[in-house]
């Protein structure tokens, strides 16, 4: 059996490649169109995944949780595509939106009664600081053809 860390590393690589394709796609089509094509990509995987699992015995609660998860995931994807479509740099927007586990930590703390350790809280603080540093863009200096906004006499 493959160790869970191998799957985690594979996810990091695949999501990194996905971020590149997200930006390439939104440079050419709308965010709404990209959500449709991403959904088609999921549908293409269905026959493979269907053979690897069984859906027998699933309760209504599990099905509703799965459908809700898919709906929220699709809306999140649309939001990322819209962000990129509006001109965000992929090198900033993708890592910034990848901070979504911070919200999961808040929800898990509130609803699942999970308690992060002090070291994990420190990591969370570093992630927030990293997000702030990623999103910071200094003001651009006026070019030679632009008129300065203030004059010293």
Protein backbone atom coordinates (compact mmCIF):
# COMPACT_ATOMS: atom_id res chain seq x y z
CA UNK A 1 0.00 0.00 0.00
CA UNK A 2 1.26 3.47 -0.89
CA UNK A 3 2.02 5.73 2.07
CA UNK A 4 -0.36 8.67 2.48
CA UNK A 5 2.52 11.14 2.02
CA UNK A 6 3.04 9.91 -1.55
CA UNK A 7 -0.57 10.79 -2.35
CA UNK A 8 -0.17 14.18 -0.66
CA UNK A 9 2.93 14.92 -2.75
CA UNK A 10 1.12 13.81 -5.90
CA UNK A 11 -1.74 16.17 -5.05
CA UNK A 12 0.71 19.06 -4.61
CA UNK A 13 2.26 18.40 -8.02
CA UNK A 14 -1.09 17.93 -9.78
CA UNK A 15 -2.64 21.02 -8.18
CA UNK A 16 0.46 23.02 -9.12
CA UNK A 17 0.04 21.99 -12.75
CA UNK A 18 -3.69 22.69 -12.43
CA UNK A 19 -2.95 26.27 -11.30
CA UNK A 20 -0.91 26.85 -14.44
CA UNK A 21 -3.71 25.50 -16.64
CA UNK A 22 -6.27 27.61 -14.74
CA UNK A 23 -4.41 30.78 -15.70
CA UNK A 24 -3.80 29.64 -19.28
CA UNK A 25 -7.50 28.86 -19.62
CA UNK A 26 -8.80 32.11 -18.15
CA UNK A 27 -6.49 34.03 -20.49
CA UNK A 28 -8.60 32.61 -23.33
CA UNK A 29 -12.16 31.97 -22.03
CA UNK A 30 -14.45 33.10 -19.22
CA UNK A 31 -14.40 31.73 -15.69
CA UNK A 32 -17.82 30.17 -16.32
CA UNK A 33 -16.48 28.30 -19.35
CA UNK A 34 -13.51 27.04 -17.37
CA UNK A 35 -15.80 25.64 -14.66
CA UNK A 36 -17.67 23.72 -17.37
CA UNK A 37 -14.44 22.28 -18.80
CA UNK A 38 -13.11 21.36 -15.36
CA UNK A 39 -16.39 19.57 -14.70
CA UNK A 40 -16.01 17.71 -18.00
CA UNK A 41 -12.53 16.71 -16.81
CA UNK A 42 -14.06 15.23 -13.66
CA UNK A 43 -16.65 13.37 -15.73
CA UNK A 44 -13.87 11.86 -17.86
CA UNK A 45 -12.44 10.36 -14.64
CA UNK A 46 -15.76 8.79 -13.61
CA UNK A 47 -15.39 5.46 -15.45
CA UNK A 48 -11.96 4.88 -13.91
CA UNK A 49 -13.10 5.82 -10.41
CA UNK A 50 -16.35 3.88 -10.77
CA UNK A 51 -14.38 0.65 -11.35
CA UNK A 52 -12.24 1.31 -8.27
CA UNK A 53 -15.08 1.74 -5.76
CA UNK A 54 -18.61 0.77 -4.90
CA UNK A 55 -21.51 3.04 -4.12
CA UNK A 56 -23.63 0.29 -2.54
CA UNK A 57 -24.97 0.95 0.90
CA UNK A 58 -24.41 4.70 0.94
CA UNK A 59 -26.89 6.52 3.10
CA UNK A 60 -28.71 9.69 2.15
CA UNK A 61 -26.50 11.71 4.51
CA UNK A 62 -23.31 10.56 2.79
CA UNK A 63 -24.74 11.31 -0.65
CA UNK A 64 -25.86 14.78 0.45
CA UNK A 65 -22.44 15.49 1.99
CA UNK A 66 -20.77 14.41 -1.27
CA UNK A 67 -23.09 16.52 -3.41
CA UNK A 68 -22.68 19.54 -1.15
CA UNK A 69 -18.91 19.11 -1.23
CA UNK A 70 -18.98 19.00 -5.04
CA UNK A 71 -21.19 22.10 -5.21
CA UNK A 72 -18.96 24.09 -2.85
CA UNK A 73 -15.86 22.87 -4.70
CA UNK A 74 -17.33 23.97 -8.03
CA UNK A 75 -18.18 27.42 -6.67
CA UNK A 76 -14.67 27.70 -5.23
CA UNK A 77 -13.20 26.79 -8.61
CA UNK A 78 -15.39 29.41 -10.27
CA UNK A 79 -14.14 32.02 -7.77
CA UNK A 80 -10.50 31.15 -8.54
CA UNK A 81 -11.15 31.28 -12.29
CA UNK A 82 -12.93 34.63 -11.91
CA UNK A 83 -9.97 35.94 -9.91
CA UNK A 84 -7.56 34.89 -12.66
CA UNK A 85 -9.89 36.18 -15.38
CA UNK A 86 -9.91 39.62 -13.72
CA UNK A 87 -6.13 39.82 -14.07
CA UNK A 88 -4.66 38.24 -10.97
CA UNK A 89 -1.20 36.77 -11.39
CA UNK A 90 -1.27 32.97 -11.13
CA UNK A 91 1.91 33.11 -9.04
CA UNK A 92 0.02 35.15 -6.43
CA UNK A 93 -3.61 34.08 -6.70
CA UNK A 94 -3.12 30.32 -6.71
CA UNK A 95 -0.92 30.16 -3.58
CA UNK A 96 -3.17 32.71 -1.86
CA UNK A 97 -6.34 30.75 -2.57
CA UNK A 98 -4.49 27.59 -1.53
CA UNK A 99 -4.68 28.92 2.02
CA UNK A 100 -8.25 27.57 2.16
CA UNK A 101 -7.24 24.97 4.81
CA UNK A 102 -7.09 27.86 7.29
CA UNK A 103 -10.86 28.12 7.01
CA UNK A 104 -11.07 24.33 7.40
CA UNK A 105 -9.12 24.64 10.66
CA UNK A 106 -11.62 27.19 11.94
CA UNK A 107 -14.57 24.99 10.95
CA UNK A 108 -12.96 21.84 12.39
CA UNK A 109 -12.28 23.66 15.65
CA UNK A 110 -15.86 24.91 15.86
CA UNK A 111 -17.82 21.88 14.62
CA UNK A 112 -15.56 18.85 15.11
CA UNK A 113 -14.01 20.03 18.39
CA UNK A 114 -10.51 19.50 17.02
CA UNK A 115 -7.79 21.41 18.84
CA UNK A 116 -4.58 22.39 17.01
CA UNK A 117 -1.40 22.27 19.07
CA UNK A 118 0.68 25.36 19.80
CA UNK A 119 3.09 24.39 17.02
CA UNK A 120 0.19 24.01 14.58
CA UNK A 121 -1.15 27.45 15.59
CA UNK A 122 2.32 28.82 14.90
CA UNK A 123 2.20 27.23 11.44
CA UNK A 124 -1.24 28.77 10.88
CA UNK A 125 0.14 32.19 11.83
CA UNK A 126 3.03 31.70 9.39
CA UNK A 127 0.57 30.75 6.64
CA UNK A 128 -1.45 33.91 7.28
CA UNK A 129 1.73 36.00 7.22
CA UNK A 130 2.78 34.29 4.00
CA UNK A 131 -0.61 35.05 2.44
CA UNK A 132 -0.28 38.69 3.42
CA UNK A 133 3.22 38.86 1.92
CA UNK A 134 2.03 37.17 -1.29
CA UNK A 135 -0.82 39.60 -1.75
CA UNK A 136 1.27 42.74 -1.09
CA UNK A 137 2.07 44.70 -4.21
CA UNK A 138 4.02 47.96 -3.81
CA UNK A 139 2.77 51.08 -5.49
CA UNK A 140 4.35 51.60 -8.88
CA UNK A 141 6.52 54.65 -9.43
CA UNK A 142 5.34 57.10 -12.12
CA UNK A 143 7.00 56.63 -15.48
CA UNK A 144 8.91 59.39 -17.26
CA UNK A 145 5.86 60.24 -19.39
CA UNK A 146 3.50 60.58 -16.42
CA UNK A 147 3.10 63.85 -14.58
CA UNK A 148 4.11 63.58 -10.90
CA UNK A 149 1.23 63.97 -8.45
CA UNK A 150 3.13 66.41 -6.24
CA UNK A 151 5.69 69.14 -6.88
CA UNK A 152 8.33 70.67 -4.66
CA UNK A 153 9.06 74.35 -5.28
